[in-house]
Amino acid sequence: MKRDRNSCLNNKVDFKGFVVPKAAQGKVAKFSFYGQPAELRHVSVVIVAITICTNTSNPSVMLGAGLVAKKACELGLQVKPWIKTSLAPGSRVVTKFLLHSGLQEYLNKQGFNIVGYGCTTCIGNSGDLDESVATAISKMI
């Protein structure tokens, strides 16, 4: 991953290419997120979506995501509060699977609350990032 990260920072602007000057690659943008200190670096994750399309719903993938969330909770791991999270399970049937299995509880604890059943983050329907995060990203440029 480190090699791929460095490649992405150095490659020409394109898919997996950002042309970030070497001197700027270690830059850190410190900011306050609702009173909590936070920081971003180049290639920091700021949005995470667990989603499957309504027409290609695969419940086993969603149950797998729930199991990962459960394990993360058991290990005491938590998604950083400034990372925008969402869950679009593809259908209400998948939601029932998550609820009946008890896995939705763990997804919720990690911040992956159900946001809807149609197209979401994949097509830009995630909404804006928190202004403090967006400003920190601007400082990185």
N, C-alpha and C. Protein backbone atom coordinates (compact mmCIF):
# COMPACT_ATOMS: atom_id res chain seq x y z
N MET A 1 0.82 -1.19 0.00
CA MET A 1 0.00 0.00 0.00
C MET A 1 0.87 1.25 0.00
N LYS A 2 1.97 1.21 0.76
CA LYS A 2 2.82 2.38 0.81
C LYS A 2 3.39 2.70 -0.57
N ARG A 3 3.80 1.68 -1.29
CA ARG A 3 4.35 1.88 -2.63
C ARG A 3 3.27 2.47 -3.55
N ASP A 4 2.04 1.95 -3.45
CA ASP A 4 0.94 2.45 -4.28
C ASP A 4 0.61 3.89 -3.91
N ARG A 5 0.61 4.20 -2.61
CA ARG A 5 0.35 5.56 -2.15
C ARG A 5 1.37 6.52 -2.76
N ASN A 6 2.65 6.16 -2.64
CA ASN A 6 3.71 7.01 -3.18
C ASN A 6 3.59 7.16 -4.69
N SER A 7 3.24 6.08 -5.35
CA SER A 7 3.05 6.12 -6.80
C SER A 7 1.93 7.09 -7.16
N CYS A 8 0.83 7.02 -6.44
CA CYS A 8 -0.31 7.90 -6.71
C CYS A 8 0.06 9.37 -6.50
N LEU A 9 0.83 9.65 -5.45
CA LEU A 9 1.23 11.03 -5.20
C LEU A 9 2.16 11.55 -6.29
N ASN A 10 2.97 10.69 -6.86
CA ASN A 10 3.97 11.11 -7.84
C ASN A 10 3.50 11.04 -9.29
N ASN A 11 2.50 10.21 -9.59
CA ASN A 11 2.05 10.03 -10.98
C ASN A 11 1.38 11.29 -11.52
N LYS A 12 1.38 11.40 -12.85
CA LYS A 12 0.70 12.52 -13.50
C LYS A 12 -0.79 12.48 -13.16
N VAL A 13 -1.44 13.61 -13.26
CA VAL A 13 -2.86 13.70 -12.92
C VAL A 13 -3.65 12.79 -13.85
N ASP A 14 -4.31 11.83 -13.24
CA ASP A 14 -5.07 10.83 -13.96
C ASP A 14 -5.66 9.91 -12.89
N PHE A 15 -6.28 8.83 -13.30
CA PHE A 15 -6.72 7.83 -12.33
C PHE A 15 -5.49 7.37 -11.56
N LYS A 16 -5.53 7.48 -10.27
CA LYS A 16 -4.41 7.13 -9.38
C LYS A 16 -3.17 7.98 -9.65
N GLY A 17 -3.39 9.24 -9.97
CA GLY A 17 -2.27 10.15 -10.16
C GLY A 17 -2.63 11.54 -9.70
N PHE A 18 -1.77 12.16 -8.86
CA PHE A 18 -2.10 13.45 -8.26
C PHE A 18 -1.01 14.51 -8.42
N VAL A 19 0.20 14.15 -8.83
CA VAL A 19 1.33 15.05 -9.00
C VAL A 19 1.49 15.98 -7.79
N VAL A 20 1.67 15.42 -6.63
CA VAL A 20 1.93 16.22 -5.44
C VAL A 20 3.45 16.36 -5.31
N PRO A 21 3.96 17.59 -5.27
CA PRO A 21 5.41 17.77 -5.17
C PRO A 21 5.97 17.04 -3.94
N LYS A 22 7.16 16.48 -4.08
CA LYS A 22 7.79 15.71 -2.99
C LYS A 22 7.81 16.51 -1.69
N ALA A 23 8.12 17.80 -1.78
CA ALA A 23 8.22 18.64 -0.58
C ALA A 23 6.88 18.78 0.15
N ALA A 24 5.77 18.59 -0.57
CA ALA A 24 4.45 18.76 0.03
C ALA A 24 3.83 17.43 0.48
N GLN A 25 4.43 16.31 0.13
CA GLN A 25 3.82 15.01 0.41
C GLN A 25 3.69 14.70 1.90
N GLY A 26 4.51 15.27 2.72
CA GLY A 26 4.42 15.02 4.17
C GLY A 26 3.61 16.08 4.91
N LYS A 27 3.02 16.99 4.16
CA LYS A 27 2.27 18.09 4.76
C LYS A 27 1.09 17.57 5.59
N VAL A 28 0.85 18.22 6.73
CA VAL A 28 -0.24 17.86 7.62
C VAL A 28 -1.12 19.10 7.82
N ALA A 29 -2.42 18.93 7.65
CA ALA A 29 -3.36 20.02 7.91
C ALA A 29 -4.06 19.72 9.23
N LYS A 30 -3.77 20.51 10.23
CA LYS A 30 -4.41 20.35 11.55
C LYS A 30 -5.65 21.22 11.57
N PHE A 31 -6.72 20.69 12.17
CA PHE A 31 -7.96 21.45 12.27
C PHE A 31 -8.74 20.98 13.49
N SER A 32 -9.79 21.68 13.78
CA SER A 32 -10.64 21.33 14.91
C SER A 32 -11.97 20.81 14.35
N PHE A 33 -12.37 19.64 14.82
CA PHE A 33 -13.63 19.06 14.39
C PHE A 33 -14.55 19.04 15.61
N TYR A 34 -15.45 20.01 15.67
CA TYR A 34 -16.38 20.16 16.80
C TYR A 34 -15.63 20.10 18.13
N GLY A 35 -14.54 20.87 18.19
CA GLY A 35 -13.76 20.97 19.42
C GLY A 35 -12.71 19.89 19.61
N GLN A 36 -12.69 18.89 18.73
CA GLN A 36 -11.69 17.82 18.83
C GLN A 36 -10.54 18.11 17.86
N PRO A 37 -9.30 17.95 18.33
CA PRO A 37 -8.19 18.13 17.39
C PRO A 37 -8.17 17.01 16.34
N ALA A 38 -7.88 17.38 15.13
CA ALA A 38 -7.86 16.41 14.02
C ALA A 38 -6.78 16.83 13.04
N GLU A 39 -6.38 15.91 12.21
CA GLU A 39 -5.41 16.24 11.17
C GLU A 39 -5.61 15.36 9.95
N LEU A 40 -5.27 15.94 8.82
CA LEU A 40 -5.33 15.24 7.54
C LEU A 40 -3.97 15.31 6.88
N ARG A 41 -3.66 14.27 6.14
CA ARG A 41 -2.44 14.20 5.32
C ARG A 41 -2.89 13.87 3.89
N HIS A 42 -1.98 13.97 2.96
CA HIS A 42 -2.33 13.56 1.60
C HIS A 42 -2.76 12.09 1.64
N VAL A 43 -3.79 11.78 0.94
CA VAL A 43 -4.46 10.48 0.82
C VAL A 43 -5.17 10.04 2.10
N SER A 44 -5.46 10.97 3.02
CA SER A 44 -6.30 10.63 4.17
C SER A 44 -7.69 10.28 3.69
N VAL A 45 -8.32 9.35 4.37
CA VAL A 45 -9.69 8.97 4.04
C VAL A 45 -10.64 9.96 4.73
N VAL A 46 -11.58 10.53 3.97
CA VAL A 46 -12.54 11.47 4.56
C VAL A 46 -13.99 11.06 4.31
N ILE A 47 -14.20 10.05 3.47
CA ILE A 47 -15.56 9.58 3.23
C ILE A 47 -15.51 8.07 2.99
N VAL A 48 -16.41 7.34 3.65
CA VAL A 48 -16.47 5.89 3.52
C VAL A 48 -17.94 5.50 3.38
N ALA A 49 -18.24 4.74 2.35
CA ALA A 49 -19.60 4.29 2.13
C ALA A 49 -19.61 2.77 1.97
N ILE A 50 -20.57 2.15 2.63
CA ILE A 50 -20.83 0.73 2.39
C ILE A 50 -22.14 0.72 1.63
N THR A 51 -22.08 0.26 0.39
CA THR A 51 -23.26 0.37 -0.46
C THR A 51 -23.30 -0.75 -1.49
N ILE A 52 -24.49 -1.19 -1.82
CA ILE A 52 -24.69 -2.08 -2.95
C ILE A 52 -25.89 -1.55 -3.74
N CYS A 53 -25.82 -1.72 -5.02
CA CYS A 53 -26.89 -1.21 -5.88
C CYS A 53 -28.18 -1.99 -5.65
N THR A 54 -29.27 -1.29 -5.83
CA THR A 54 -30.57 -1.93 -5.63
C THR A 54 -30.83 -3.04 -6.65
N ASN A 55 -30.23 -2.95 -7.82
CA ASN A 55 -30.48 -3.97 -8.85
C ASN A 55 -29.45 -5.10 -8.84
N THR A 56 -28.42 -4.99 -8.02
CA THR A 56 -27.42 -6.06 -7.93
C THR A 56 -27.17 -6.41 -6.46
N SER A 57 -28.20 -6.32 -5.66
CA SER A 57 -28.07 -6.53 -4.22
C SER A 57 -27.43 -7.88 -3.90
N ASN A 58 -26.42 -7.86 -3.05
CA ASN A 58 -25.72 -9.06 -2.63
C ASN A 58 -25.68 -9.06 -1.10
N PRO A 59 -26.68 -9.65 -0.46
CA PRO A 59 -26.78 -9.60 1.00
C PRO A 59 -25.55 -10.14 1.72
N SER A 60 -24.86 -11.13 1.14
CA SER A 60 -23.70 -11.69 1.83
C SER A 60 -22.60 -10.66 2.01
N VAL A 61 -22.46 -9.73 1.07
CA VAL A 61 -21.45 -8.69 1.19
C VAL A 61 -21.80 -7.75 2.35
N MET A 62 -23.07 -7.41 2.47
CA MET A 62 -23.51 -6.55 3.57
C MET A 62 -23.35 -7.24 4.92
N LEU A 63 -23.65 -8.53 4.97
CA LEU A 63 -23.46 -9.27 6.22
C LEU A 63 -21.97 -9.32 6.55
N GLY A 64 -21.12 -9.45 5.54
CA GLY A 64 -19.68 -9.42 5.75
C GLY A 64 -19.23 -8.08 6.32
N ALA A 65 -19.79 -6.99 5.80
CA ALA A 65 -19.47 -5.66 6.33
C ALA A 65 -19.89 -5.55 7.79
N GLY A 66 -21.05 -6.15 8.10
CA GLY A 66 -21.52 -6.15 9.48
C GLY A 66 -20.59 -6.93 10.40
N LEU A 67 -20.06 -8.04 9.90
CA LEU A 67 -19.11 -8.83 10.70
C LEU A 67 -17.81 -8.07 10.92
N VAL A 68 -17.36 -7.35 9.92
CA VAL A 68 -16.16 -6.53 10.08
C VAL A 68 -16.41 -5.44 11.12
N ALA A 69 -17.58 -4.80 11.06
CA ALA A 69 -17.93 -3.77 12.05
C ALA A 69 -17.98 -4.37 13.45
N LYS A 70 -18.53 -5.57 13.58
CA LYS A 70 -18.60 -6.23 14.88
C LYS A 70 -17.20 -6.47 15.42
N LYS A 71 -16.31 -6.98 14.59
CA LYS A 71 -14.93 -7.25 15.02
C LYS A 71 -14.23 -5.95 15.40
N ALA A 72 -14.45 -4.90 14.62
CA ALA A 72 -13.85 -3.60 14.93
C ALA A 72 -14.31 -3.12 16.31
N CYS A 73 -15.60 -3.27 16.59
CA CYS A 73 -16.12 -2.88 17.90
C CYS A 73 -15.47 -3.71 19.01
N GLU A 74 -15.36 -5.00 18.79
CA GLU A 74 -14.75 -5.89 19.78
C GLU A 74 -13.29 -5.53 20.05
N LEU A 75 -12.60 -5.03 19.04
CA LEU A 75 -11.20 -4.65 19.18
C LEU A 75 -11.03 -3.22 19.69
N GLY A 76 -12.15 -2.52 19.88
CA GLY A 76 -12.09 -1.15 20.36
C GLY A 76 -11.74 -0.13 19.29
N LEU A 77 -11.86 -0.53 18.03
CA LEU A 77 -11.58 0.38 16.93
C LEU A 77 -12.79 1.26 16.65
N GLN A 78 -12.55 2.48 16.19
CA GLN A 78 -13.64 3.39 15.91
C GLN A 78 -13.27 4.26 14.72
N VAL A 79 -14.22 4.48 13.83
CA VAL A 79 -14.02 5.38 12.70
C VAL A 79 -13.82 6.79 13.26
N LYS A 80 -12.84 7.50 12.73
CA LYS A 80 -12.59 8.88 13.16
C LYS A 80 -13.86 9.69 12.95
N PRO A 81 -14.19 10.57 13.89
CA PRO A 81 -15.47 11.30 13.80
C PRO A 81 -15.59 12.23 12.60
N TRP A 82 -14.48 12.66 12.02
CA TRP A 82 -14.55 13.57 10.87
C TRP A 82 -14.70 12.83 9.54
N ILE A 83 -14.66 11.51 9.58
CA ILE A 83 -14.86 10.74 8.35
C ILE A 83 -16.36 10.58 8.13
N LYS A 84 -16.82 10.98 6.97
CA LYS A 84 -18.24 10.89 6.63
C LYS A 84 -18.55 9.44 6.27
N THR A 85 -19.50 8.84 6.98
CA THR A 85 -19.85 7.44 6.76
C THR A 85 -21.30 7.31 6.33
N SER A 86 -21.58 6.25 5.57
CA SER A 86 -22.97 5.98 5.18
C SER A 86 -23.12 4.51 4.83
N LEU A 87 -24.35 4.05 4.92
CA LEU A 87 -24.69 2.67 4.60
C LEU A 87 -25.94 2.68 3.73
N ALA A 88 -25.83 2.09 2.55
CA ALA A 88 -26.97 1.95 1.64
C ALA A 88 -27.07 0.47 1.28
N PRO A 89 -27.90 -0.27 2.01
CA PRO A 89 -27.93 -1.72 1.87
C PRO A 89 -28.56 -2.29 0.61
N GLY A 90 -29.07 -1.49 -0.26
CA GLY A 90 -29.60 -2.01 -1.52
C GLY A 90 -31.07 -2.37 -1.50
N SER A 91 -31.55 -2.89 -0.38
CA SER A 91 -32.97 -3.22 -0.29
C SER A 91 -33.37 -3.33 1.17
N ARG A 92 -34.67 -3.23 1.39
CA ARG A 92 -35.19 -3.36 2.76
C ARG A 92 -35.03 -4.80 3.27
N VAL A 93 -34.97 -5.75 2.37
CA VAL A 93 -34.75 -7.14 2.77
C VAL A 93 -33.35 -7.28 3.40
N VAL A 94 -32.36 -6.65 2.79
CA VAL A 94 -31.01 -6.69 3.34
C VAL A 94 -31.00 -6.01 4.71
N THR A 95 -31.75 -4.93 4.85
CA THR A 95 -31.85 -4.27 6.16
C THR A 95 -32.40 -5.25 7.19
N LYS A 96 -33.40 -6.02 6.81
CA LYS A 96 -33.96 -7.02 7.74
C LYS A 96 -32.92 -8.06 8.13
N PHE A 97 -32.10 -8.49 7.16
CA PHE A 97 -31.02 -9.43 7.47
C PHE A 97 -30.07 -8.84 8.51
N LEU A 98 -29.70 -7.57 8.30
CA LEU A 98 -28.77 -6.91 9.22
C LEU A 98 -29.39 -6.76 10.61
N LEU A 99 -30.65 -6.41 10.64
CA LEU A 99 -31.33 -6.24 11.93
C LEU A 99 -31.51 -7.56 12.66
N HIS A 100 -32.00 -8.56 11.95
CA HIS A 100 -32.26 -9.87 12.58
C HIS A 100 -30.97 -10.57 13.01
N SER A 101 -29.88 -10.31 12.31
CA SER A 101 -28.60 -10.92 12.68
C SER A 101 -27.91 -10.18 13.83
N GLY A 102 -28.41 -8.98 14.14
CA GLY A 102 -27.80 -8.16 15.19
C GLY A 102 -26.61 -7.36 14.70
N LEU A 103 -26.30 -7.43 13.42
CA LEU A 103 -25.12 -6.76 12.89
C LEU A 103 -25.33 -5.26 12.64
N GLN A 104 -26.57 -4.84 12.44
CA GLN A 104 -26.82 -3.41 12.22
C GLN A 104 -26.36 -2.59 13.42
N GLU A 105 -26.49 -3.15 14.60
CA GLU A 105 -26.05 -2.48 15.83
C GLU A 105 -24.56 -2.09 15.74
N TYR A 106 -23.73 -3.01 15.24
CA TYR A 106 -22.30 -2.76 15.15
C TYR A 106 -21.98 -1.76 14.04
N LEU A 107 -22.72 -1.85 12.95
CA LEU A 107 -22.54 -0.87 11.88
C LEU A 107 -22.89 0.53 12.39
N ASN A 108 -23.99 0.64 13.13
CA ASN A 108 -24.38 1.93 13.71
C ASN A 108 -23.30 2.46 14.64
N LYS A 109 -22.74 1.60 15.47
CA LYS A 109 -21.70 2.02 16.42
C LYS A 109 -20.48 2.57 15.70
N GLN A 110 -20.23 2.09 14.49
CA GLN A 110 -19.10 2.57 13.71
C GLN A 110 -19.48 3.79 12.84
N GLY A 111 -20.73 4.22 12.94
CA GLY A 111 -21.18 5.39 12.19
C GLY A 111 -21.85 5.08 10.87
N PHE A 112 -22.03 3.79 10.57
CA PHE A 112 -22.64 3.41 9.30
C PHE A 112 -24.14 3.19 9.49
N ASN A 113 -24.85 4.31 9.57
CA ASN A 113 -26.29 4.29 9.68
C ASN A 113 -26.89 4.28 8.28
N ILE A 114 -28.05 3.67 8.15
CA ILE A 114 -28.69 3.57 6.84
C ILE A 114 -29.10 4.96 6.36
N VAL A 115 -28.68 5.29 5.13
CA VAL A 115 -29.00 6.59 4.55
C VAL A 115 -30.03 6.49 3.43
N GLY A 116 -30.27 5.30 2.91
CA GLY A 116 -31.24 5.15 1.84
C GLY A 116 -31.03 3.87 1.08
N TYR A 117 -31.83 3.71 0.03
CA TYR A 117 -31.80 2.48 -0.75
C TYR A 117 -31.50 2.70 -2.22
N GLY A 118 -31.41 3.92 -2.65
CA GLY A 118 -31.09 4.19 -4.05
C GLY A 118 -29.62 4.50 -4.21
N CYS A 119 -29.29 5.14 -5.29
CA CYS A 119 -27.90 5.51 -5.54
C CYS A 119 -27.46 6.54 -4.51
N THR A 120 -26.27 6.34 -3.99
CA THR A 120 -25.78 7.26 -2.95
C THR A 120 -24.40 7.78 -3.31
N THR A 121 -23.41 7.45 -2.53
CA THR A 121 -22.07 8.02 -2.66
C THR A 121 -21.46 7.79 -4.04
N CYS A 122 -21.70 6.65 -4.64
CA CYS A 122 -21.08 6.32 -5.93
C CYS A 122 -21.32 7.38 -6.99
N ILE A 123 -22.47 8.04 -6.93
CA ILE A 123 -22.77 9.07 -7.95
C ILE A 123 -22.75 10.47 -7.35
N GLY A 124 -22.17 10.61 -6.18
CA GLY A 124 -22.03 11.94 -5.59
C GLY A 124 -23.16 12.37 -4.69
N ASN A 125 -24.06 11.46 -4.33
CA ASN A 125 -25.19 11.83 -3.48
C ASN A 125 -24.87 11.73 -1.99
N SER A 126 -23.63 11.95 -1.62
CA SER A 126 -23.25 11.86 -0.22
C SER A 126 -23.43 13.18 0.51
N GLY A 127 -23.63 14.24 -0.23
CA GLY A 127 -23.72 15.56 0.40
C GLY A 127 -22.33 16.12 0.63
N ASP A 128 -22.29 17.33 1.13
CA ASP A 128 -21.01 18.00 1.35
C ASP A 128 -20.28 17.42 2.55
N LEU A 129 -18.96 17.52 2.51
CA LEU A 129 -18.16 17.21 3.69
C LEU A 129 -18.35 18.32 4.70
N ASP A 130 -18.11 18.03 5.96
CA ASP A 130 -18.17 19.06 6.98
C ASP A 130 -17.21 20.19 6.56
N GLU A 131 -17.61 21.41 6.80
CA GLU A 131 -16.81 22.56 6.35
C GLU A 131 -15.39 22.53 6.91
N SER A 132 -15.22 22.09 8.16
CA SER A 132 -13.87 22.06 8.74
C SER A 132 -12.98 21.06 7.99
N VAL A 133 -13.55 19.94 7.55
CA VAL A 133 -12.79 18.95 6.79
C VAL A 133 -12.46 19.51 5.41
N ALA A 134 -13.44 20.12 4.76
CA ALA A 134 -13.22 20.70 3.43
C ALA A 134 -12.14 21.78 3.47
N THR A 135 -12.15 22.58 4.52
CA THR A 135 -11.14 23.64 4.66
C THR A 135 -9.76 23.03 4.87
N ALA A 136 -9.69 21.97 5.66
CA ALA A 136 -8.40 21.29 5.89
C ALA A 136 -7.86 20.73 4.58
N ILE A 137 -8.76 20.15 3.78
CA ILE A 137 -8.33 19.63 2.48
C ILE A 137 -7.78 20.75 1.60
N SER A 138 -8.45 21.89 1.62
CA SER A 138 -7.98 23.04 0.83
C SER A 138 -6.60 23.47 1.25
N LYS A 139 -6.27 23.34 2.53
CA LYS A 139 -4.95 23.71 3.02
C LYS A 139 -3.86 22.78 2.49
N MET A 140 -4.26 21.58 2.08
CA MET A 140 -3.29 20.61 1.58
C MET A 140 -2.86 20.91 0.15
N ILE A 141 -3.65 21.68 -0.55
CA ILE A 141 -3.38 21.95 -1.97
C ILE A 141 -2.31 23.01 -2.11
